[in-house]
Amino acid sequence: MGEAVMTTRRQADGALVVEVRGSLDAATVDGLRGVLMETLQRDRPRLMIVDLTFVTFMDSMGIGMLVAGYEAARDLGARFVLRNPNEFVHRQLRITGLTSLFGLSAESVQPYRI
């Protein structure tokens, strides 16, 4: 099980960006879920972007948490998209059929980093 660090910032266009660093697994998903849900409820953005540039690992718990974030955003009328997944993360989302749900395409893949 890994560690994850989340930071939140607002872009000039008003979108909220949650940057995730580390692993999205059973040990870390509760922390990210809390950040996403609290930010959605408090700020009610029209667009929430989860930046996965520095995510090194993601399992089914991480995928489930992202789906929960998507659903919570949808319920508030917000868009929820993922940005910059590496090859490993993108493959996990592609295998589960979730790439289009999160606004990803084949061009959305970043090189795998260790």
PDB file of N, CA and C in Angstrom:
ATOM      1  N   MET A   1       0.843  -1.172   0.000  1.00  0.00           N
ATOM      2  CA  MET A   1       0.000   0.000   0.000  1.00  0.00           C
ATOM      3  C   MET A   1       0.892   1.241   0.000  1.00  0.00           C
ATOM      4  N   GLY A   2       0.410   2.270  -0.668  1.00  0.00           N
ATOM      5  CA  GLY A   2       1.257   3.431  -0.872  1.00  0.00           C
ATOM      6  C   GLY A   2       0.818   4.654  -0.105  1.00  0.00           C
ATOM      7  N   GLU A   3       1.372   5.751  -0.535  1.00  0.00           N
ATOM      8  CA  GLU A   3       1.050   7.055   0.029  1.00  0.00           C
ATOM      9  C   GLU A   3       0.552   7.942  -1.098  1.00  0.00           C
ATOM     10  N   ALA A   4      -0.240   8.940  -0.748  1.00  0.00           N
ATOM     11  CA  ALA A   4      -0.712   9.902  -1.745  1.00  0.00           C
ATOM     12  C   ALA A   4      -0.782  11.276  -1.101  1.00  0.00           C
ATOM     13  N   VAL A   5      -0.491  12.264  -1.894  1.00  0.00           N
ATOM     14  CA  VAL A   5      -0.592  13.656  -1.477  1.00  0.00           C
ATOM     15  C   VAL A   5      -1.513  14.349  -2.468  1.00  0.00           C
ATOM     16  N   MET A   6      -2.456  15.118  -1.957  1.00  0.00           N
ATOM     17  CA  MET A   6      -3.398  15.837  -2.808  1.00  0.00           C
ATOM     18  C   MET A   6      -3.289  17.327  -2.550  1.00  0.00           C
ATOM     19  N   THR A   7      -3.270  18.094  -3.629  1.00  0.00           N
ATOM     20  CA  THR A   7      -3.321  19.545  -3.519  1.00  0.00           C
ATOM     21  C   THR A   7      -4.446  20.042  -4.416  1.00  0.00           C
ATOM     22  N   THR A   8      -5.074  21.125  -3.998  1.00  0.00           N
ATOM     23  CA  THR A   8      -6.190  21.688  -4.754  1.00  0.00           C
ATOM     24  C   THR A   8      -5.882  23.136  -5.085  1.00  0.00           C
ATOM     25  N   ARG A   9      -6.185  23.519  -6.325  1.00  0.00           N
ATOM     26  CA  ARG A   9      -6.001  24.907  -6.735  1.00  0.00           C
ATOM     27  C   ARG A   9      -7.073  25.274  -7.748  1.00  0.00           C
ATOM     28  N   ARG A  10      -7.324  26.569  -7.872  1.00  0.00           N
ATOM     29  CA  ARG A  10      -8.299  27.057  -8.844  1.00  0.00           C
ATOM     30  C   ARG A  10      -7.551  27.652 -10.025  1.00  0.00           C
ATOM     31  N   GLN A  11      -7.960  27.261 -11.235  1.00  0.00           N
ATOM     32  CA  GLN A  11      -7.386  27.821 -12.446  1.00  0.00           C
ATOM     33  C   GLN A  11      -8.014  29.185 -12.722  1.00  0.00           C
ATOM     34  N   ALA A  12      -7.404  29.948 -13.618  1.00  0.00           N
ATOM     35  CA  ALA A  12      -7.916  31.269 -13.988  1.00  0.00           C
ATOM     36  C   ALA A  12      -9.333  31.191 -14.557  1.00  0.00           C
ATOM     37  N   ASP A  13      -9.668  30.078 -15.211  1.00  0.00           N
ATOM     38  CA  ASP A  13     -11.011  29.927 -15.797  1.00  0.00           C
ATOM     39  C   ASP A  13     -12.050  29.455 -14.782  1.00  0.00           C
ATOM     40  N   GLY A  14     -11.659  29.301 -13.520  1.00  0.00           N
ATOM     41  CA  GLY A  14     -12.588  28.895 -12.467  1.00  0.00           C
ATOM     42  C   GLY A  14     -12.623  27.408 -12.178  1.00  0.00           C
ATOM     43  N   ALA A  15     -12.025  26.587 -13.039  1.00  0.00           N
ATOM     44  CA  ALA A  15     -12.007  25.143 -12.797  1.00  0.00           C
ATOM     45  C   ALA A  15     -11.155  24.837 -11.572  1.00  0.00           C
ATOM     46  N   LEU A  16     -11.568  23.843 -10.823  1.00  0.00           N
ATOM     47  CA  LEU A  16     -10.778  23.382  -9.681  1.00  0.00           C
ATOM     48  C   LEU A  16      -9.948  22.187 -10.115  1.00  0.00           C
ATOM     49  N   VAL A  17      -8.671  22.208  -9.754  1.00  0.00           N
ATOM     50  CA  VAL A  17      -7.758  21.125 -10.098  1.00  0.00           C
ATOM     51  C   VAL A  17      -7.297  20.470  -8.805  1.00  0.00           C
ATOM     52  N   VAL A  18      -7.484  19.161  -8.737  1.00  0.00           N
ATOM     53  CA  VAL A  18      -6.963  18.370  -7.626  1.00  0.00           C
ATOM     54  C   VAL A  18      -5.806  17.560  -8.205  1.00  0.00           C
ATOM     55  N   GLU A  19      -4.605  17.853  -7.743  1.00  0.00           N
ATOM     56  CA  GLU A  19      -3.422  17.134  -8.202  1.00  0.00           C
ATOM     57  C   GLU A  19      -3.122  16.022  -7.209  1.00  0.00           C
ATOM     58  N   VAL A  20      -2.958  14.818  -7.742  1.00  0.00           N
ATOM     59  CA  VAL A  20      -2.693  13.648  -6.911  1.00  0.00           C
ATOM     60  C   VAL A  20      -1.274  13.166  -7.193  1.00  0.00           C
ATOM     61  N   ARG A  21      -0.542  12.880  -6.120  1.00  0.00           N
ATOM     62  CA  ARG A  21       0.814  12.340  -6.237  1.00  0.00           C
ATOM     63  C   ARG A  21       0.886  11.063  -5.410  1.00  0.00           C
ATOM     64  N   GLY A  22       1.393  10.004  -6.027  1.00  0.00           N
ATOM     65  CA  GLY A  22       1.566   8.753  -5.303  1.00  0.00           C
ATOM     66  C   GLY A  22       0.629   7.675  -5.790  1.00  0.00           C
ATOM     67  N   SER A  23       0.154   6.853  -4.870  1.00  0.00           N
ATOM     68  CA  SER A  23      -0.688   5.695  -5.193  1.00  0.00           C
ATOM     69  C   SER A  23      -2.147   5.952  -4.866  1.00  0.00           C
ATOM     70  N   LEU A  24      -3.006   5.408  -5.706  1.00  0.00           N
ATOM     71  CA  LEU A  24      -4.442   5.391  -5.421  1.00  0.00           C
ATOM     72  C   LEU A  24      -4.818   3.947  -5.141  1.00  0.00           C
ATOM     73  N   ASP A  25      -4.850   3.611  -3.876  1.00  0.00           N
ATOM     74  CA  ASP A  25      -5.150   2.242  -3.467  1.00  0.00           C
ATOM     75  C   ASP A  25      -5.918   2.273  -2.148  1.00  0.00           C
ATOM     76  N   ALA A  26      -6.113   1.112  -1.558  1.00  0.00           N
ATOM     77  CA  ALA A  26      -6.927   1.014  -0.342  1.00  0.00           C
ATOM     78  C   ALA A  26      -6.418   1.916   0.781  1.00  0.00           C
ATOM     79  N   ALA A  27      -5.118   2.149   0.827  1.00  0.00           N
ATOM     80  CA  ALA A  27      -4.549   2.960   1.902  1.00  0.00           C
ATOM     81  C   ALA A  27      -4.751   4.453   1.699  1.00  0.00           C
ATOM     82  N   THR A  28      -5.055   4.878   0.482  1.00  0.00           N
ATOM     83  CA  THR A  28      -5.087   6.316   0.190  1.00  0.00           C
ATOM     84  C   THR A  28      -6.422   6.855  -0.307  1.00  0.00           C
ATOM     85  N   VAL A  29      -7.316   5.983  -0.748  1.00  0.00           N
ATOM     86  CA  VAL A  29      -8.532   6.492  -1.399  1.00  0.00           C
ATOM     87  C   VAL A  29      -9.444   7.279  -0.467  1.00  0.00           C
ATOM     88  N   ASP A  30      -9.481   6.939   0.797  1.00  0.00           N
ATOM     89  CA  ASP A  30     -10.361   7.686   1.705  1.00  0.00           C
ATOM     90  C   ASP A  30      -9.937   9.148   1.803  1.00  0.00           C
ATOM     91  N   GLY A  31      -8.628   9.392   1.823  1.00  0.00           N
ATOM     92  CA  GLY A  31      -8.140  10.762   1.868  1.00  0.00           C
ATOM     93  C   GLY A  31      -8.517  11.549   0.632  1.00  0.00           C
ATOM     94  N   LEU A  32      -8.352  10.946  -0.534  1.00  0.00           N
ATOM     95  CA  LEU A  32      -8.713  11.635  -1.774  1.00  0.00           C
ATOM     96  C   LEU A  32     -10.221  11.819  -1.876  1.00  0.00           C
ATOM     97  N   ARG A  33     -10.974  10.797  -1.486  1.00  0.00           N
ATOM     98  CA  ARG A  33     -12.438  10.922  -1.514  1.00  0.00           C
ATOM     99  C   ARG A  33     -12.871  12.107  -0.651  1.00  0.00           C
ATOM    100  N   GLY A  34     -12.271  12.245   0.522  1.00  0.00           N
ATOM    101  CA  GLY A  34     -12.604  13.363   1.397  1.00  0.00           C
ATOM    102  C   GLY A  34     -12.301  14.704   0.761  1.00  0.00           C
ATOM    103  N   VAL A  35     -11.139  14.826   0.118  1.00  0.00           N
ATOM    104  CA  VAL A  35     -10.769  16.075  -0.555  1.00  0.00           C
ATOM    105  C   VAL A  35     -11.753  16.378  -1.676  1.00  0.00           C
ATOM    106  N   LEU A  36     -12.064  15.378  -2.501  1.00  0.00           N
ATOM    107  CA  LEU A  36     -12.979  15.605  -3.623  1.00  0.00           C
ATOM    108  C   LEU A  36     -14.368  16.011  -3.151  1.00  0.00           C
ATOM    109  N   MET A  37     -14.911  15.263  -2.196  1.00  0.00           N
ATOM    110  CA  MET A  37     -16.277  15.537  -1.749  1.00  0.00           C
ATOM    111  C   MET A  37     -16.359  16.883  -1.028  1.00  0.00           C
ATOM    112  N   GLU A  38     -15.397  17.168  -0.175  1.00  0.00           N
ATOM    113  CA  GLU A  38     -15.400  18.446   0.537  1.00  0.00           C
ATOM    114  C   GLU A  38     -15.272  19.617  -0.438  1.00  0.00           C
ATOM    115  N   THR A  39     -14.389  19.486  -1.408  1.00  0.00           N
ATOM    116  CA  THR A  39     -14.187  20.553  -2.388  1.00  0.00           C
ATOM    117  C   THR A  39     -15.427  20.748  -3.248  1.00  0.00           C
ATOM    118  N   LEU A  40     -16.035  19.666  -3.675  1.00  0.00           N
ATOM    119  CA  LEU A  40     -17.264  19.776  -4.475  1.00  0.00           C
ATOM    120  C   LEU A  40     -18.372  20.469  -3.685  1.00  0.00           C
ATOM    121  N   GLN A  41     -18.580  20.058  -2.447  1.00  0.00           N
ATOM    122  CA  GLN A  41     -19.643  20.634  -1.627  1.00  0.00           C
ATOM    123  C   GLN A  41     -19.384  22.095  -1.286  1.00  0.00           C
ATOM    124  N   ARG A  42     -18.148  22.414  -0.946  1.00  0.00           N
ATOM    125  CA  ARG A  42     -17.804  23.766  -0.509  1.00  0.00           C
ATOM    126  C   ARG A  42     -17.765  24.752  -1.670  1.00  0.00           C
ATOM    127  N   ASP A  43     -17.090  24.367  -2.765  1.00  0.00           N
ATOM    128  CA  ASP A  43     -16.836  25.314  -3.851  1.00  0.00           C
ATOM    129  C   ASP A  43     -17.807  25.203  -5.022  1.00  0.00           C
ATOM    130  N   ARG A  44     -18.487  24.083  -5.140  1.00  0.00           N
ATOM    131  CA  ARG A  44     -19.442  23.853  -6.220  1.00  0.00           C
ATOM    132  C   ARG A  44     -18.926  24.331  -7.582  1.00  0.00           C
ATOM    133  N   PRO A  45     -17.787  23.770  -8.007  1.00  0.00           N
ATOM    134  CA  PRO A  45     -17.221  24.196  -9.288  1.00  0.00           C
ATOM    135  C   PRO A  45     -18.058  23.696 -10.461  1.00  0.00           C
ATOM    136  N   ARG A  46     -17.939  24.380 -11.574  1.00  0.00           N
ATOM    137  CA  ARG A  46     -18.584  23.869 -12.786  1.00  0.00           C
ATOM    138  C   ARG A  46     -17.742  22.759 -13.405  1.00  0.00           C
ATOM    139  N   LEU A  47     -16.427  22.796 -13.139  1.00  0.00           N
ATOM    140  CA  LEU A  47     -15.509  21.791 -13.665  1.00  0.00           C
ATOM    141  C   LEU A  47     -14.491  21.433 -12.592  1.00  0.00           C
ATOM    142  N   MET A  48     -14.359  20.120 -12.343  1.00  0.00           N
ATOM    143  CA  MET A  48     -13.306  19.623 -11.455  1.00  0.00           C
ATOM    144  C   MET A  48     -12.401  18.731 -12.293  1.00  0.00           C
ATOM    145  N   ILE A  49     -11.113  19.035 -12.231  1.00  0.00           N
ATOM    146  CA  ILE A  49     -10.102  18.274 -12.958  1.00  0.00           C
ATOM    147  C   ILE A  49      -9.245  17.544 -11.937  1.00  0.00           C
ATOM    148  N   VAL A  50      -9.108  16.244 -12.099  1.00  0.00           N
ATOM    149  CA  VAL A  50      -8.212  15.472 -11.251  1.00  0.00           C
ATOM    150  C   VAL A  50      -6.975  15.173 -12.094  1.00  0.00           C
ATOM    151  N   ASP A  51      -5.866  15.782 -11.710  1.00  0.00           N
ATOM    152  CA  ASP A  51      -4.609  15.640 -12.439  1.00  0.00           C
ATOM    153  C   ASP A  51      -3.858  14.434 -11.904  1.00  0.00           C
ATOM    154  N   LEU A  52      -3.634  13.458 -12.776  1.00  0.00           N
ATOM    155  CA  LEU A  52      -3.007  12.199 -12.396  1.00  0.00           C
ATOM    156  C   LEU A  52      -1.559  12.098 -12.872  1.00  0.00           C
ATOM    157  N   THR A  53      -0.958  13.208 -13.236  1.00  0.00           N
ATOM    158  CA  THR A  53       0.397  13.214 -13.779  1.00  0.00           C
ATOM    159  C   THR A  53       1.368  12.412 -12.914  1.00  0.00           C
ATOM    160  N   PHE A  54       1.259  12.562 -11.605  1.00  0.00           N
ATOM    161  CA  PHE A  54       2.241  11.945 -10.707  1.00  0.00           C
ATOM    162  C   PHE A  54       1.681  10.759  -9.922  1.00  0.00           C
ATOM    163  N   VAL A  55       0.626  10.130 -10.438  1.00  0.00           N
ATOM    164  CA  VAL A  55       0.102   8.909  -9.818  1.00  0.00           C
ATOM    165  C   VAL A  55       0.953   7.745 -10.314  1.00  0.00           C
ATOM    166  N   THR A  56       1.529   7.009  -9.395  1.00  0.00           N
ATOM    167  CA  THR A  56       2.432   5.916  -9.739  1.00  0.00           C
ATOM    168  C   THR A  56       1.752   4.557  -9.764  1.00  0.00           C
ATOM    169  N   PHE A  57       0.584   4.437  -9.112  1.00  0.00           N
ATOM    170  CA  PHE A  57      -0.128   3.167  -9.049  1.00  0.00           C
ATOM    171  C   PHE A  57      -1.592   3.440  -8.787  1.00  0.00           C
ATOM    172  N   MET A  58      -2.455   2.606  -9.377  1.00  0.00           N
ATOM    173  CA  MET A  58      -3.887   2.705  -9.099  1.00  0.00           C
ATOM    174  C   MET A  58      -4.493   1.316  -9.212  1.00  0.00           C
ATOM    175  N   ASP A  59      -5.281   0.941  -8.195  1.00  0.00           N
ATOM    176  CA  ASP A  59      -5.965  -0.348  -8.239  1.00  0.00           C
ATOM    177  C   ASP A  59      -7.470  -0.121  -8.319  1.00  0.00           C
ATOM    178  N   SER A  60      -8.238  -1.178  -8.114  1.00  0.00           N
ATOM    179  CA  SER A  60      -9.696  -1.071  -8.246  1.00  0.00           C
ATOM    180  C   SER A  60     -10.305  -0.115  -7.225  1.00  0.00           C
ATOM    181  N   MET A  61      -9.677   0.004  -6.058  1.00  0.00           N
ATOM    182  CA  MET A  61     -10.175   0.960  -5.057  1.00  0.00           C
ATOM    183  C   MET A  61     -10.024   2.391  -5.578  1.00  0.00           C
ATOM    184  N   GLY A  62      -8.915   2.678  -6.220  1.00  0.00           N
ATOM    185  CA  GLY A  62      -8.701   4.000  -6.807  1.00  0.00           C
ATOM    186  C   GLY A  62      -9.697   4.287  -7.912  1.00  0.00           C
ATOM    187  N   ILE A  63      -9.939   3.293  -8.760  1.00  0.00           N
ATOM    188  CA  ILE A  63     -10.914   3.457  -9.838  1.00  0.00           C
ATOM    189  C   ILE A  63     -12.294   3.715  -9.256  1.00  0.00           C
ATOM    190  N   GLY A  64     -12.669   2.951  -8.240  1.00  0.00           N
ATOM    191  CA  GLY A  64     -13.982   3.136  -7.607  1.00  0.00           C
ATOM    192  C   GLY A  64     -14.137   4.514  -6.998  1.00  0.00           C
ATOM    193  N   MET A  65     -13.067   5.023  -6.401  1.00  0.00           N
ATOM    194  CA  MET A  65     -13.116   6.358  -5.814  1.00  0.00           C
ATOM    195  C   MET A  65     -13.298   7.416  -6.895  1.00  0.00           C
ATOM    196  N   LEU A  66     -12.624   7.261  -8.041  1.00  0.00           N
ATOM    197  CA  LEU A  66     -12.789   8.223  -9.133  1.00  0.00           C
ATOM    198  C   LEU A  66     -14.212   8.193  -9.683  1.00  0.00           C
ATOM    199  N   VAL A  67     -14.795   7.013  -9.784  1.00  0.00           N
ATOM    200  CA  VAL A  67     -16.190   6.904 -10.228  1.00  0.00           C
ATOM    201  C   VAL A  67     -17.112   7.595  -9.219  1.00  0.00           C
ATOM    202  N   ALA A  68     -16.861   7.413  -7.930  1.00  0.00           N
ATOM    203  CA  ALA A  68     -17.674   8.090  -6.900  1.00  0.00           C
ATOM    204  C   ALA A  68     -17.540   9.603  -7.017  1.00  0.00           C
ATOM    205  N   GLY A  69     -16.325  10.093  -7.285  1.00  0.00           N
ATOM    206  CA  GLY A  69     -16.129  11.525  -7.488  1.00  0.00           C
ATOM    207  C   GLY A  69     -16.887  12.030  -8.697  1.00  0.00           C
ATOM    208  N   TYR A  70     -16.849  11.267  -9.778  1.00  0.00           N
ATOM    209  CA  TYR A  70     -17.595  11.613 -10.992  1.00  0.00           C
ATOM    210  C   TYR A  70     -19.088  11.723 -10.690  1.00  0.00           C
ATOM    211  N   GLU A  71     -19.618  10.732  -9.984  1.00  0.00           N
ATOM    212  CA  GLU A  71     -21.052  10.729  -9.673  1.00  0.00           C
ATOM    213  C   GLU A  71     -21.437  11.884  -8.759  1.00  0.00           C
ATOM    214  N   ALA A  72     -20.597  12.196  -7.771  1.00  0.00           N
ATOM    215  CA  ALA A  72     -20.883  13.313  -6.864  1.00  0.00           C
ATOM    216  C   ALA A  72     -20.873  14.633  -7.632  1.00  0.00           C
ATOM    217  N   ALA A  73     -19.918  14.798  -8.528  1.00  0.00           N
ATOM    218  CA  ALA A  73     -19.864  16.013  -9.342  1.00  0.00           C
ATOM    219  C   ALA A  73     -21.090  16.118 -10.237  1.00  0.00           C
ATOM    220  N   ARG A  74     -21.443  15.026 -10.876  1.00  0.00           N
ATOM    221  CA  ARG A  74     -22.621  15.005 -11.750  1.00  0.00           C
ATOM    222  C   ARG A  74     -23.874  15.394 -10.972  1.00  0.00           C
ATOM    223  N   ASP A  75     -24.006  14.880  -9.749  1.00  0.00           N
ATOM    224  CA  ASP A  75     -25.183  15.191  -8.938  1.00  0.00           C
ATOM    225  C   ASP A  75     -25.272  16.681  -8.601  1.00  0.00           C
ATOM    226  N   LEU A  76     -24.123  17.367  -8.591  1.00  0.00           N
ATOM    227  CA  LEU A  76     -24.100  18.813  -8.325  1.00  0.00           C
ATOM    228  C   LEU A  76     -24.117  19.639  -9.606  1.00  0.00           C
ATOM    229  N   GLY A  77     -24.188  18.967 -10.758  1.00  0.00           N
ATOM    230  CA  GLY A  77     -24.202  19.676 -12.029  1.00  0.00           C
ATOM    231  C   GLY A  77     -22.827  20.085 -12.522  1.00  0.00           C
ATOM    232  N   ALA A  78     -21.779  19.458 -12.004  1.00  0.00           N
ATOM    233  CA  ALA A  78     -20.406  19.788 -12.397  1.00  0.00           C
ATOM    234  C   ALA A  78     -19.849  18.717 -13.331  1.00  0.00           C
ATOM    235  N   ARG A  79     -18.917  19.124 -14.161  1.00  0.00           N
ATOM    236  CA  ARG A  79     -18.153  18.174 -14.968  1.00  0.00           C
ATOM    237  C   ARG A  79     -16.972  17.691 -14.137  1.00  0.00           C
ATOM    238  N   PHE A  80     -16.583  16.447 -14.345  1.00  0.00           N
ATOM    239  CA  PHE A  80     -15.483  15.815 -13.616  1.00  0.00           C
ATOM    240  C   PHE A  80     -14.631  15.102 -14.644  1.00  0.00           C
ATOM    241  N   VAL A  81     -13.401  15.561 -14.826  1.00  0.00           N
ATOM    242  CA  VAL A  81     -12.531  14.956 -15.825  1.00  0.00           C
ATOM    243  C   VAL A  81     -11.180  14.630 -15.207  1.00  0.00           C
ATOM    244  N   LEU A  82     -10.515  13.672 -15.834  1.00  0.00           N
ATOM    245  CA  LEU A  82      -9.166  13.295 -15.438  1.00  0.00           C
ATOM    246  C   LEU A  82      -8.192  13.880 -16.450  1.00  0.00           C
ATOM    247  N   ARG A  83      -6.999  14.209 -15.965  1.00  0.00           N
ATOM    248  CA  ARG A  83      -5.986  14.784 -16.834  1.00  0.00           C
ATOM    249  C   ARG A  83      -4.650  14.083 -16.611  1.00  0.00           C
ATOM    250  N   ASN A  84      -3.933  13.855 -17.702  1.00  0.00           N
ATOM    251  CA  ASN A  84      -2.550  13.380 -17.701  1.00  0.00           C
ATOM    252  C   ASN A  84      -2.283  12.032 -17.032  1.00  0.00           C
ATOM    253  N   PRO A  85      -3.105  11.011 -17.262  1.00  0.00           N
ATOM    254  CA  PRO A  85      -2.749   9.709 -16.687  1.00  0.00           C
ATOM    255  C   PRO A  85      -1.535   9.130 -17.405  1.00  0.00           C
ATOM    256  N   ASN A  86      -0.690   8.408 -16.672  1.00  0.00           N
ATOM    257  CA  ASN A  86       0.411   7.726 -17.340  1.00  0.00           C
ATOM    258  C   ASN A  86      -0.123   6.463 -18.018  1.00  0.00           C
ATOM    259  N   GLU A  87       0.757   5.750 -18.696  1.00  0.00           N
ATOM    260  CA  GLU A  87       0.326   4.577 -19.462  1.00  0.00           C
ATOM    261  C   GLU A  87      -0.344   3.531 -18.577  1.00  0.00           C
ATOM    262  N   PHE A  88       0.213   3.285 -17.380  1.00  0.00           N
ATOM    263  CA  PHE A  88      -0.349   2.282 -16.484  1.00  0.00           C
ATOM    264  C   PHE A  88      -1.767   2.658 -16.055  1.00  0.00           C
ATOM    265  N   VAL A  89      -1.947   3.883 -15.603  1.00  0.00           N
ATOM    266  CA  VAL A  89      -3.260   4.341 -15.139  1.00  0.00           C
ATOM    267  C   VAL A  89      -4.253   4.352 -16.294  1.00  0.00           C
ATOM    268  N   HIS A  90      -3.827   4.838 -17.444  1.00  0.00           N
ATOM    269  CA  HIS A  90      -4.715   4.882 -18.609  1.00  0.00           C
ATOM    270  C   HIS A  90      -5.167   3.476 -18.989  1.00  0.00           C
ATOM    271  N   ARG A  91      -4.240   2.519 -18.937  1.00  0.00           N
ATOM    272  CA  ARG A  91      -4.594   1.141 -19.265  1.00  0.00           C
ATOM    273  C   ARG A  91      -5.637   0.605 -18.296  1.00  0.00           C
ATOM    274  N   GLN A  92      -5.490   0.912 -16.997  1.00  0.00           N
ATOM    275  CA  GLN A  92      -6.476   0.470 -16.005  1.00  0.00           C
ATOM    276  C   GLN A  92      -7.861   1.019 -16.357  1.00  0.00           C
ATOM    277  N   LEU A  93      -7.914   2.279 -16.731  1.00  0.00           N
ATOM    278  CA  LEU A  93      -9.195   2.902 -17.078  1.00  0.00           C
ATOM    279  C   LEU A  93      -9.742   2.359 -18.395  1.00  0.00           C
ATOM    280  N   ARG A  94      -8.860   2.097 -19.348  1.00  0.00           N
ATOM    281  CA  ARG A  94      -9.287   1.555 -20.638  1.00  0.00           C
ATOM    282  C   ARG A  94      -9.841   0.144 -20.468  1.00  0.00           C
ATOM    283  N   ILE A  95      -9.171  -0.684 -19.666  1.00  0.00           N
ATOM    284  CA  ILE A  95      -9.615  -2.064 -19.437  1.00  0.00           C
ATOM    285  C   ILE A  95     -11.007  -2.087 -18.816  1.00  0.00           C
ATOM    286  N   THR A  96     -11.281  -1.143 -17.935  1.00  0.00           N
ATOM    287  CA  THR A  96     -12.585  -1.098 -17.271  1.00  0.00           C
ATOM    288  C   THR A  96     -13.630  -0.346 -18.088  1.00  0.00           C
ATOM    289  N   GLY A  97     -13.243   0.191 -19.246  1.00  0.00           N
ATOM    290  CA  GLY A  97     -14.183   0.886 -20.121  1.00  0.00           C
ATOM    291  C   GLY A  97     -14.556   2.274 -19.641  1.00  0.00           C
ATOM    292  N   LEU A  98     -13.693   2.922 -18.860  1.00  0.00           N
ATOM    293  CA  LEU A  98     -14.043   4.199 -18.244  1.00  0.00           C
ATOM    294  C   LEU A  98     -13.358   5.416 -18.859  1.00  0.00           C
ATOM    295  N   THR A  99     -12.547   5.237 -19.884  1.00  0.00           N
ATOM    296  CA  THR A  99     -11.806   6.389 -20.408  1.00  0.00           C
ATOM    297  C   THR A  99     -12.729   7.504 -20.875  1.00  0.00           C
ATOM    298  N   SER A 100     -13.747   7.176 -21.636  1.00  0.00           N
ATOM    299  CA  SER A 100     -14.626   8.246 -22.152  1.00  0.00           C
ATOM    300  C   SER A 100     -15.451   8.887 -21.046  1.00  0.00           C
ATOM    301  N   LEU A 101     -15.812   8.132 -20.017  1.00  0.00           N
ATOM    302  CA  LEU A 101     -16.543   8.700 -18.889  1.00  0.00           C
ATOM    303  C   LEU A 101     -15.774   9.861 -18.270  1.00  0.00           C
ATOM    304  N   PHE A 102     -14.452   9.709 -18.214  1.00  0.00           N
ATOM    305  CA  PHE A 102     -13.596  10.711 -17.586  1.00  0.00           C
ATOM    306  C   PHE A 102     -12.992  11.707 -18.574  1.00  0.00           C
ATOM    307  N   GLY A 103     -13.478  11.717 -19.800  1.00  0.00           N
ATOM    308  CA  GLY A 103     -13.001  12.691 -20.776  1.00  0.00           C
ATOM    309  C   GLY A 103     -11.627  12.379 -21.332  1.00  0.00           C
ATOM    310  N   LEU A 104     -11.250  11.102 -21.340  1.00  0.00           N
ATOM    311  CA  LEU A 104      -9.936  10.706 -21.841  1.00  0.00           C
ATOM    312  C   LEU A 104     -10.044  10.056 -23.208  1.00  0.00           C
ATOM    313  N   SER A 105      -8.978  10.182 -23.974  1.00  0.00           N
ATOM    314  CA  SER A 105      -8.871   9.500 -25.258  1.00  0.00           C
ATOM    315  C   SER A 105      -7.501   8.842 -25.320  1.00  0.00           C
ATOM    316  N   ALA A 106      -7.199   8.192 -26.426  1.00  0.00           N
ATOM    317  CA  ALA A 106      -5.896   7.537 -26.572  1.00  0.00           C
ATOM    318  C   ALA A 106      -4.755   8.549 -26.482  1.00  0.00           C
ATOM    319  N   GLU A 107      -4.999   9.795 -26.868  1.00  0.00           N
ATOM    320  CA  GLU A 107      -3.969  10.835 -26.810  1.00  0.00           C
ATOM    321  C   GLU A 107      -3.729  11.337 -25.396  1.00  0.00           C
ATOM    322  N   SER A 108      -4.509  10.912 -24.432  1.00  0.00           N
ATOM    323  CA  SER A 108      -4.411  11.399 -23.062  1.00  0.00           C
ATOM    324  C   SER A 108      -3.297  10.726 -22.268  1.00  0.00           C
ATOM    325  N   VAL A 109      -2.580   9.829 -22.867  1.00  0.00           N
ATOM    326  CA  VAL A 109      -1.599   9.031 -22.145  1.00  0.00           C
ATOM    327  C   VAL A 109      -0.275   9.784 -21.999  1.00  0.00           C
ATOM    328  N   GLN A 110       0.280   9.746 -20.793  1.00  0.00           N
ATOM    329  CA  GLN A 110       1.593  10.305 -20.510  1.00  0.00           C
ATOM    330  C   GLN A 110       2.567   9.143 -20.325  1.00  0.00           C
ATOM    331  N   PRO A 111       3.845   9.330 -20.621  1.00  0.00           N
ATOM    332  CA  PRO A 111       4.817   8.256 -20.400  1.00  0.00           C
ATOM    333  C   PRO A 111       4.840   7.835 -18.944  1.00  0.00           C
ATOM    334  N   TYR A 112       5.083   6.568 -18.702  1.00  0.00           N
ATOM    335  CA  TYR A 112       5.136   6.034 -17.340  1.00  0.00           C
ATOM    336  C   TYR A 112       6.380   6.573 -16.630  1.00  0.00           C
ATOM    337  N   ARG A 113       6.205   7.062 -15.417  1.00  0.00           N
ATOM    338  CA  ARG A 113       7.317   7.568 -14.624  1.00  0.00           C
ATOM    339  C   ARG A 113       7.461   6.745 -13.348  1.00  0.00           C
ATOM    340  N   ILE A 114       8.665   6.575 -12.917  1.00  0.00           N
ATOM    341  CA  ILE A 114       8.909   5.863 -11.659  1.00  0.00           C
ATOM    342  C   ILE A 114       9.363   6.866 -10.623  1.00  0.00           C
TER     343      ILE A 114
END
